[in-house]
Amino acid sequence: MRVVVEKSVGGRVLSVQDNGPGVPADELPRLLERFYRGSSHAAEGSGLGLTIVGRIAELHGASLHLANQPSGGLAVSLQGLRAAGG
């Protein structure tokens, strides 16, 4: 697991990256849908976590993005984060 915070033109980017197998490309956009759990849903859950995170990001003027990494694993990024007070 790796956590990265970077500055970008649109604000800060917080990215959490793992070193697992990644997610099938056709499932990536669906992971943000309410109640969708993906094809490897061995863990318990309701499929709401990423939907909630995405909505909270929107309320703060940021956006949530998911991407498979070229070296393997998934990166979940919050983009457009602003520093407290501006």
PDB file of N, CA and C in Angstrom:
ATOM      1  N   MET A   1       0.847  -1.165   0.000  1.00  0.00           N
ATOM      2  CA  MET A   1       0.000   0.000   0.000  1.00  0.00           C
ATOM      3  C   MET A   1       0.894   1.229   0.000  1.00  0.00           C
ATOM      4  N   ARG A   2       0.522   2.186  -0.803  1.00  0.00           N
ATOM      5  CA  ARG A   2       1.289   3.425  -0.912  1.00  0.00           C
ATOM      6  C   ARG A   2       0.309   4.593  -0.927  1.00  0.00           C
ATOM      7  N   VAL A   3       0.601   5.639  -0.157  1.00  0.00           N
ATOM      8  CA  VAL A   3      -0.219   6.853  -0.126  1.00  0.00           C
ATOM      9  C   VAL A   3       0.650   8.004  -0.611  1.00  0.00           C
ATOM     10  N   VAL A   4       0.142   8.752  -1.597  1.00  0.00           N
ATOM     11  CA  VAL A   4       0.901   9.847  -2.200  1.00  0.00           C
ATOM     12  C   VAL A   4       0.041  11.103  -2.193  1.00  0.00           C
ATOM     13  N   VAL A   5       0.632  12.238  -1.810  1.00  0.00           N
ATOM     14  CA  VAL A   5      -0.028  13.541  -1.916  1.00  0.00           C
ATOM     15  C   VAL A   5       0.851  14.405  -2.805  1.00  0.00           C
ATOM     16  N   GLU A   6       0.249  14.964  -3.858  1.00  0.00           N
ATOM     17  CA  GLU A   6       0.997  15.793  -4.804  1.00  0.00           C
ATOM     18  C   GLU A   6       0.243  17.090  -5.056  1.00  0.00           C
ATOM     19  N   LYS A   7       0.973  18.129  -5.426  1.00  0.00           N
ATOM     20  CA  LYS A   7       0.353  19.372  -5.866  1.00  0.00           C
ATOM     21  C   LYS A   7       0.171  19.292  -7.374  1.00  0.00           C
ATOM     22  N   SER A   8      -0.958  19.818  -7.854  1.00  0.00           N
ATOM     23  CA  SER A   8      -1.186  19.908  -9.288  1.00  0.00           C
ATOM     24  C   SER A   8      -1.820  21.260  -9.578  1.00  0.00           C
ATOM     25  N   VAL A   9      -2.003  21.567 -10.841  1.00  0.00           N
ATOM     26  CA  VAL A   9      -2.587  22.850 -11.227  1.00  0.00           C
ATOM     27  C   VAL A   9      -3.982  23.014 -10.622  1.00  0.00           C
ATOM     28  N   GLY A  10      -4.768  21.946 -10.578  1.00  0.00           N
ATOM     29  CA  GLY A  10      -6.134  22.015 -10.080  1.00  0.00           C
ATOM     30  C   GLY A  10      -6.277  21.795  -8.590  1.00  0.00           C
ATOM     31  N   GLY A  11      -5.203  21.772  -7.842  1.00  0.00           N
ATOM     32  CA  GLY A  11      -5.254  21.515  -6.402  1.00  0.00           C
ATOM     33  C   GLY A  11      -4.388  20.322  -6.055  1.00  0.00           C
ATOM     34  N   ARG A  12      -4.578  19.804  -4.885  1.00  0.00           N
ATOM     35  CA  ARG A  12      -3.792  18.647  -4.454  1.00  0.00           C
ATOM     36  C   ARG A  12      -4.458  17.342  -4.896  1.00  0.00           C
ATOM     37  N   VAL A  13      -3.627  16.320  -5.032  1.00  0.00           N
ATOM     38  CA  VAL A  13      -4.107  14.983  -5.390  1.00  0.00           C
ATOM     39  C   VAL A  13      -3.670  14.027  -4.289  1.00  0.00           C
ATOM     40  N   LEU A  14      -4.628  13.307  -3.711  1.00  0.00           N
ATOM     41  CA  LEU A  14      -4.355  12.270  -2.724  1.00  0.00           C
ATOM     42  C   LEU A  14      -4.618  10.942  -3.410  1.00  0.00           C
ATOM     43  N   SER A  15      -3.607  10.097  -3.472  1.00  0.00           N
ATOM     44  CA  SER A  15      -3.730   8.828  -4.169  1.00  0.00           C
ATOM     45  C   SER A  15      -3.333   7.685  -3.242  1.00  0.00           C
ATOM     46  N   VAL A  16      -4.173   6.663  -3.200  1.00  0.00           N
ATOM     47  CA  VAL A  16      -3.883   5.443  -2.447  1.00  0.00           C
ATOM     48  C   VAL A  16      -3.718   4.334  -3.479  1.00  0.00           C
ATOM     49  N   GLN A  17      -2.555   3.696  -3.460  1.00  0.00           N
ATOM     50  CA  GLN A  17      -2.235   2.684  -4.463  1.00  0.00           C
ATOM     51  C   GLN A  17      -1.914   1.362  -3.775  1.00  0.00           C
ATOM     52  N   ASP A  18      -2.446   0.274  -4.336  1.00  0.00           N
ATOM     53  CA  ASP A  18      -2.094  -1.038  -3.794  1.00  0.00           C
ATOM     54  C   ASP A  18      -1.255  -1.796  -4.819  1.00  0.00           C
ATOM     55  N   ASN A  19      -0.820  -2.979  -4.463  1.00  0.00           N
ATOM     56  CA  ASN A  19      -0.006  -3.778  -5.381  1.00  0.00           C
ATOM     57  C   ASN A  19      -0.695  -5.093  -5.721  1.00  0.00           C
ATOM     58  N   GLY A  20      -2.021  -5.089  -5.673  1.00  0.00           N
ATOM     59  CA  GLY A  20      -2.795  -6.279  -6.007  1.00  0.00           C
ATOM     60  C   GLY A  20      -2.899  -6.475  -7.512  1.00  0.00           C
ATOM     61  N   PRO A  21      -3.836  -7.300  -7.947  1.00  0.00           N
ATOM     62  CA  PRO A  21      -3.971  -7.611  -9.374  1.00  0.00           C
ATOM     63  C   PRO A  21      -4.655  -6.516 -10.188  1.00  0.00           C
ATOM     64  N   GLY A  22      -5.179  -5.492  -9.539  1.00  0.00           N
ATOM     65  CA  GLY A  22      -5.935  -4.471 -10.259  1.00  0.00           C
ATOM     66  C   GLY A  22      -7.381  -4.902 -10.433  1.00  0.00           C
ATOM     67  N   VAL A  23      -8.093  -4.186 -11.279  1.00  0.00           N
ATOM     68  CA  VAL A  23      -9.515  -4.433 -11.515  1.00  0.00           C
ATOM     69  C   VAL A  23      -9.706  -4.573 -13.023  1.00  0.00           C
ATOM     70  N   PRO A  24     -10.532  -5.523 -13.480  1.00  0.00           N
ATOM     71  CA  PRO A  24     -10.788  -5.606 -14.919  1.00  0.00           C
ATOM     72  C   PRO A  24     -11.234  -4.237 -15.458  1.00  0.00           C
ATOM     73  N   ALA A  25     -10.681  -3.835 -16.600  1.00  0.00           N
ATOM     74  CA  ALA A  25     -10.922  -2.492 -17.151  1.00  0.00           C
ATOM     75  C   ALA A  25     -12.402  -2.176 -17.319  1.00  0.00           C
ATOM     76  N   ASP A  26     -13.206  -3.168 -17.708  1.00  0.00           N
ATOM     77  CA  ASP A  26     -14.631  -2.906 -17.913  1.00  0.00           C
ATOM     78  C   ASP A  26     -15.378  -2.679 -16.602  1.00  0.00           C
ATOM     79  N   GLU A  27     -14.785  -3.049 -15.478  1.00  0.00           N
ATOM     80  CA  GLU A  27     -15.433  -2.850 -14.183  1.00  0.00           C
ATOM     81  C   GLU A  27     -15.064  -1.525 -13.520  1.00  0.00           C
ATOM     82  N   LEU A  28     -13.963  -0.901 -13.937  1.00  0.00           N
ATOM     83  CA  LEU A  28     -13.504   0.329 -13.270  1.00  0.00           C
ATOM     84  C   LEU A  28     -14.601   1.384 -13.150  1.00  0.00           C
ATOM     85  N   PRO A  29     -15.282   1.770 -14.242  1.00  0.00           N
ATOM     86  CA  PRO A  29     -16.302   2.813 -14.096  1.00  0.00           C
ATOM     87  C   PRO A  29     -17.482   2.376 -13.226  1.00  0.00           C
ATOM     88  N   ARG A  30     -17.778   1.094 -13.229  1.00  0.00           N
ATOM     89  CA  ARG A  30     -18.922   0.591 -12.458  1.00  0.00           C
ATOM     90  C   ARG A  30     -18.664   0.577 -10.960  1.00  0.00           C
ATOM     91  N   LEU A  31     -17.390   0.580 -10.538  1.00  0.00           N
ATOM     92  CA  LEU A  31     -17.079   0.552  -9.107  1.00  0.00           C
ATOM     93  C   LEU A  31     -17.594   1.794  -8.382  1.00  0.00           C
ATOM     94  N   LEU A  32     -17.884   2.851  -9.120  1.00  0.00           N
ATOM     95  CA  LEU A  32     -18.423   4.063  -8.508  1.00  0.00           C
ATOM     96  C   LEU A  32     -19.948   4.061  -8.471  1.00  0.00           C
ATOM     97  N   GLU A  33     -20.575   3.015  -9.030  1.00  0.00           N
ATOM     98  CA  GLU A  33     -22.034   2.902  -9.002  1.00  0.00           C
ATOM     99  C   GLU A  33     -22.497   2.355  -7.652  1.00  0.00           C
ATOM    100  N   ARG A  34     -23.608   2.874  -7.199  1.00  0.00           N
ATOM    101  CA  ARG A  34     -24.182   2.418  -5.942  1.00  0.00           C
ATOM    102  C   ARG A  34     -24.513   0.924  -6.012  1.00  0.00           C
ATOM    103  N   PHE A  35     -24.107   0.184  -5.002  1.00  0.00           N
ATOM    104  CA  PHE A  35     -24.372  -1.242  -4.808  1.00  0.00           C
ATOM    105  C   PHE A  35     -23.581  -2.176  -5.727  1.00  0.00           C
ATOM    106  N   TYR A  36     -22.741  -1.651  -6.608  1.00  0.00           N
ATOM    107  CA  TYR A  36     -21.931  -2.525  -7.467  1.00  0.00           C
ATOM    108  C   TYR A  36     -20.724  -3.017  -6.682  1.00  0.00           C
ATOM    109  N   ARG A  37     -20.445  -4.320  -6.741  1.00  0.00           N
ATOM    110  CA  ARG A  37     -19.367  -4.892  -5.937  1.00  0.00           C
ATOM    111  C   ARG A  37     -18.263  -5.533  -6.753  1.00  0.00           C
ATOM    112  N   GLY A  38     -18.355  -5.604  -8.038  1.00  0.00           N
ATOM    113  CA  GLY A  38     -17.285  -6.183  -8.842  1.00  0.00           C
ATOM    114  C   GLY A  38     -17.331  -7.699  -8.865  1.00  0.00           C
ATOM    115  N   SER A  39     -16.545  -8.275  -9.748  1.00  0.00           N
ATOM    116  CA  SER A  39     -16.583  -9.728  -9.937  1.00  0.00           C
ATOM    117  C   SER A  39     -15.834 -10.488  -8.850  1.00  0.00           C
ATOM    118  N   SER A  40     -14.930  -9.840  -8.155  1.00  0.00           N
ATOM    119  CA  SER A  40     -14.186 -10.533  -7.090  1.00  0.00           C
ATOM    120  C   SER A  40     -14.611  -9.989  -5.734  1.00  0.00           C
ATOM    121  N   HIS A  41     -15.887 -10.125  -5.432  1.00  0.00           N
ATOM    122  CA  HIS A  41     -16.440  -9.568  -4.192  1.00  0.00           C
ATOM    123  C   HIS A  41     -16.444 -10.589  -3.057  1.00  0.00           C
ATOM    124  N   ALA A  42     -15.287 -11.167  -2.786  1.00  0.00           N
ATOM    125  CA  ALA A  42     -15.174 -12.143  -1.702  1.00  0.00           C
ATOM    126  C   ALA A  42     -15.387 -11.484  -0.338  1.00  0.00           C
ATOM    127  N   ALA A  43     -14.969 -10.235  -0.209  1.00  0.00           N
ATOM    128  CA  ALA A  43     -15.145  -9.518   1.059  1.00  0.00           C
ATOM    129  C   ALA A  43     -16.596  -9.071   1.201  1.00  0.00           C
ATOM    130  N   GLU A  44     -17.051  -9.017   2.436  1.00  0.00           N
ATOM    131  CA  GLU A  44     -18.410  -8.552   2.678  1.00  0.00           C
ATOM    132  C   GLU A  44     -18.494  -7.055   2.455  1.00  0.00           C
ATOM    133  N   GLY A  45     -19.670  -6.593   2.122  1.00  0.00           N
ATOM    134  CA  GLY A  45     -19.890  -5.168   1.920  1.00  0.00           C
ATOM    135  C   GLY A  45     -21.173  -4.958   1.143  1.00  0.00           C
ATOM    136  N   SER A  46     -21.565  -3.705   1.029  1.00  0.00           N
ATOM    137  CA  SER A  46     -22.809  -3.387   0.340  1.00  0.00           C
ATOM    138  C   SER A  46     -22.575  -2.700  -0.996  1.00  0.00           C
ATOM    139  N   GLY A  47     -21.331  -2.364  -1.317  1.00  0.00           N
ATOM    140  CA  GLY A  47     -21.060  -1.676  -2.570  1.00  0.00           C
ATOM    141  C   GLY A  47     -21.356  -0.191  -2.510  1.00  0.00           C
ATOM    142  N   LEU A  48     -21.295   0.386  -1.324  1.00  0.00           N
ATOM    143  CA  LEU A  48     -21.581   1.818  -1.173  1.00  0.00           C
ATOM    144  C   LEU A  48     -20.351   2.668  -0.876  1.00  0.00           C
ATOM    145  N   GLY A  49     -19.261   2.073  -0.445  1.00  0.00           N
ATOM    146  CA  GLY A  49     -18.103   2.836   0.027  1.00  0.00           C
ATOM    147  C   GLY A  49     -17.562   3.847  -0.963  1.00  0.00           C
ATOM    148  N   LEU A  50     -17.240   3.411  -2.188  1.00  0.00           N
ATOM    149  CA  LEU A  50     -16.674   4.335  -3.168  1.00  0.00           C
ATOM    150  C   LEU A  50     -17.700   5.362  -3.635  1.00  0.00           C
ATOM    151  N   THR A  51     -18.981   4.976  -3.661  1.00  0.00           N
ATOM    152  CA  THR A  51     -20.034   5.933  -4.006  1.00  0.00           C
ATOM    153  C   THR A  51     -20.082   7.052  -2.978  1.00  0.00           C
ATOM    154  N   ILE A  52     -19.995   6.707  -1.717  1.00  0.00           N
ATOM    155  CA  ILE A  52     -20.014   7.709  -0.642  1.00  0.00           C
ATOM    156  C   ILE A  52     -18.781   8.601  -0.724  1.00  0.00           C
ATOM    157  N   VAL A  53     -17.608   8.011  -0.919  1.00  0.00           N
ATOM    158  CA  VAL A  53     -16.375   8.795  -1.034  1.00  0.00           C
ATOM    159  C   VAL A  53     -16.469   9.758  -2.222  1.00  0.00           C
ATOM    160  N   GLY A  54     -16.986   9.278  -3.348  1.00  0.00           N
ATOM    161  CA  GLY A  54     -17.136  10.130  -4.526  1.00  0.00           C
ATOM    162  C   GLY A  54     -18.053  11.308  -4.275  1.00  0.00           C
ATOM    163  N   ARG A  55     -19.138  11.071  -3.570  1.00  0.00           N
ATOM    164  CA  ARG A  55     -20.088  12.159  -3.267  1.00  0.00           C
ATOM    165  C   ARG A  55     -19.469  13.173  -2.313  1.00  0.00           C
ATOM    166  N   ILE A  56     -18.766  12.704  -1.295  1.00  0.00           N
ATOM    167  CA  ILE A  56     -18.092  13.619  -0.364  1.00  0.00           C
ATOM    168  C   ILE A  56     -17.054  14.451  -1.118  1.00  0.00           C
ATOM    169  N   ALA A  57     -16.321  13.821  -2.030  1.00  0.00           N
ATOM    170  CA  ALA A  57     -15.345  14.557  -2.842  1.00  0.00           C
ATOM    171  C   ALA A  57     -16.040  15.665  -3.628  1.00  0.00           C
ATOM    172  N   GLU A  58     -17.168  15.345  -4.270  1.00  0.00           N
ATOM    173  CA  GLU A  58     -17.929  16.346  -5.025  1.00  0.00           C
ATOM    174  C   GLU A  58     -18.333  17.520  -4.148  1.00  0.00           C
ATOM    175  N   LEU A  59     -18.802  17.230  -2.948  1.00  0.00           N
ATOM    176  CA  LEU A  59     -19.240  18.289  -2.031  1.00  0.00           C
ATOM    177  C   LEU A  59     -18.097  19.216  -1.638  1.00  0.00           C
ATOM    178  N   HIS A  60     -16.867  18.725  -1.769  1.00  0.00           N
ATOM    179  CA  HIS A  60     -15.688  19.532  -1.447  1.00  0.00           C
ATOM    180  C   HIS A  60     -14.995  20.060  -2.698  1.00  0.00           C
ATOM    181  N   GLY A  61     -15.658  19.962  -3.847  1.00  0.00           N
ATOM    182  CA  GLY A  61     -15.102  20.480  -5.087  1.00  0.00           C
ATOM    183  C   GLY A  61     -14.005  19.621  -5.689  1.00  0.00           C
ATOM    184  N   ALA A  62     -13.925  18.370  -5.284  1.00  0.00           N
ATOM    185  CA  ALA A  62     -12.902  17.452  -5.791  1.00  0.00           C
ATOM    186  C   ALA A  62     -13.589  16.338  -6.584  1.00  0.00           C
ATOM    187  N   SER A  63     -12.807  15.428  -7.124  1.00  0.00           N
ATOM    188  CA  SER A  63     -13.365  14.300  -7.859  1.00  0.00           C
ATOM    189  C   SER A  63     -12.577  13.027  -7.533  1.00  0.00           C
ATOM    190  N   LEU A  64     -13.256  11.905  -7.660  1.00  0.00           N
ATOM    191  CA  LEU A  64     -12.675  10.598  -7.363  1.00  0.00           C
ATOM    192  C   LEU A  64     -12.384   9.873  -8.667  1.00  0.00           C
ATOM    193  N   HIS A  65     -11.182   9.305  -8.786  1.00  0.00           N
ATOM    194  CA  HIS A  65     -10.784   8.587  -9.998  1.00  0.00           C
ATOM    195  C   HIS A  65     -10.159   7.248  -9.621  1.00  0.00           C
ATOM    196  N   LEU A  66     -10.429   6.239 -10.434  1.00  0.00           N
ATOM    197  CA  LEU A  66      -9.859   4.903 -10.250  1.00  0.00           C
ATOM    198  C   LEU A  66      -9.061   4.545 -11.497  1.00  0.00           C
ATOM    199  N   ALA A  67      -7.892   3.959 -11.309  1.00  0.00           N
ATOM    200  CA  ALA A  67      -7.075   3.556 -12.459  1.00  0.00           C
ATOM    201  C   ALA A  67      -6.182   2.385 -12.082  1.00  0.00           C
ATOM    202  N   ASN A  68      -6.056   1.441 -13.002  1.00  0.00           N
ATOM    203  CA  ASN A  68      -5.070   0.378 -12.839  1.00  0.00           C
ATOM    204  C   ASN A  68      -3.694   0.962 -13.119  1.00  0.00           C
ATOM    205  N   GLN A  69      -2.717   0.549 -12.344  1.00  0.00           N
ATOM    206  CA  GLN A  69      -1.349   1.027 -12.504  1.00  0.00           C
ATOM    207  C   GLN A  69      -0.601   0.152 -13.508  1.00  0.00           C
ATOM    208  N   PRO A  70       0.271   0.740 -14.331  1.00  0.00           N
ATOM    209  CA  PRO A  70       1.038  -0.052 -15.299  1.00  0.00           C
ATOM    210  C   PRO A  70       1.847  -1.174 -14.637  1.00  0.00           C
ATOM    211  N   SER A  71       2.323  -0.935 -13.428  1.00  0.00           N
ATOM    212  CA  SER A  71       3.129  -1.934 -12.723  1.00  0.00           C
ATOM    213  C   SER A  71       2.271  -2.918 -11.928  1.00  0.00           C
ATOM    214  N   GLY A  72       0.948  -2.776 -12.004  1.00  0.00           N
ATOM    215  CA  GLY A  72       0.024  -3.635 -11.272  1.00  0.00           C
ATOM    216  C   GLY A  72      -0.597  -2.902 -10.110  1.00  0.00           C
ATOM    217  N   GLY A  73      -1.773  -3.305  -9.722  1.00  0.00           N
ATOM    218  CA  GLY A  73      -2.464  -2.677  -8.611  1.00  0.00           C
ATOM    219  C   GLY A  73      -3.420  -1.588  -9.063  1.00  0.00           C
ATOM    220  N   LEU A  74      -4.191  -1.113  -8.118  1.00  0.00           N
ATOM    221  CA  LEU A  74      -5.205  -0.088  -8.356  1.00  0.00           C
ATOM    222  C   LEU A  74      -4.809   1.185  -7.635  1.00  0.00           C
ATOM    223  N   ALA A  75      -5.068   2.322  -8.263  1.00  0.00           N
ATOM    224  CA  ALA A  75      -4.878   3.623  -7.617  1.00  0.00           C
ATOM    225  C   ALA A  75      -6.238   4.293  -7.510  1.00  0.00           C
ATOM    226  N   VAL A  76      -6.577   4.736  -6.317  1.00  0.00           N
ATOM    227  CA  VAL A  76      -7.795   5.502  -6.064  1.00  0.00           C
ATOM    228  C   VAL A  76      -7.338   6.906  -5.707  1.00  0.00           C
ATOM    229  N   SER A  77      -7.755   7.890  -6.506  1.00  0.00           N
ATOM    230  CA  SER A  77      -7.250   9.254  -6.335  1.00  0.00           C
ATOM    231  C   SER A  77      -8.372  10.252  -6.121  1.00  0.00           C
ATOM    232  N   LEU A  78      -8.156  11.153  -5.174  1.00  0.00           N
ATOM    233  CA  LEU A  78      -9.011  12.323  -4.986  1.00  0.00           C
ATOM    234  C   LEU A  78      -8.265  13.485  -5.617  1.00  0.00           C
ATOM    235  N   GLN A  79      -8.865  14.097  -6.633  1.00  0.00           N
ATOM    236  CA  GLN A  79      -8.200  15.181  -7.357  1.00  0.00           C
ATOM    237  C   GLN A  79      -8.932  16.491  -7.137  1.00  0.00           C
ATOM    238  N   GLY A  80      -8.160  17.574  -7.061  1.00  0.00           N
ATOM    239  CA  GLY A  80      -8.746  18.897  -6.891  1.00  0.00           C
ATOM    240  C   GLY A  80      -8.961  19.287  -5.447  1.00  0.00           C
ATOM    241  N   LEU A  81      -8.236  18.661  -4.532  1.00  0.00           N
ATOM    242  CA  LEU A  81      -8.365  18.996  -3.111  1.00  0.00           C
ATOM    243  C   LEU A  81      -7.742  20.355  -2.839  1.00  0.00           C
ATOM    244  N   ARG A  82      -8.381  21.136  -2.006  1.00  0.00           N
ATOM    245  CA  ARG A  82      -7.876  22.459  -1.632  1.00  0.00           C
ATOM    246  C   ARG A  82      -7.369  22.418  -0.202  1.00  0.00           C
ATOM    247  N   ALA A  83      -6.363  23.220   0.077  1.00  0.00           N
ATOM    248  CA  ALA A  83      -5.839  23.327   1.440  1.00  0.00           C
ATOM    249  C   ALA A  83      -6.875  24.022   2.316  1.00  0.00           C
ATOM    250  N   ALA A  84      -6.900  23.702   3.591  1.00  0.00           N
ATOM    251  CA  ALA A  84      -7.818  24.349   4.528  1.00  0.00           C
ATOM    252  C   ALA A  84      -7.592  25.852   4.500  1.00  0.00           C
ATOM    253  N   GLY A  85      -8.682  26.604   4.469  1.00  0.00           N
ATOM    254  CA  GLY A  85      -8.573  28.058   4.462  1.00  0.00           C
ATOM    255  C   GLY A  85      -8.281  28.629   3.091  1.00  0.00           C
ATOM    256  N   GLY A  86      -8.358  27.832   2.036  1.00  0.00           N
ATOM    257  CA  GLY A  86      -8.150  28.384   0.699  1.00  0.00           C
ATOM    258  C   GLY A  86      -7.482  27.449  -0.147  1.00  0.00           C
TER     259      GLY A  86
END
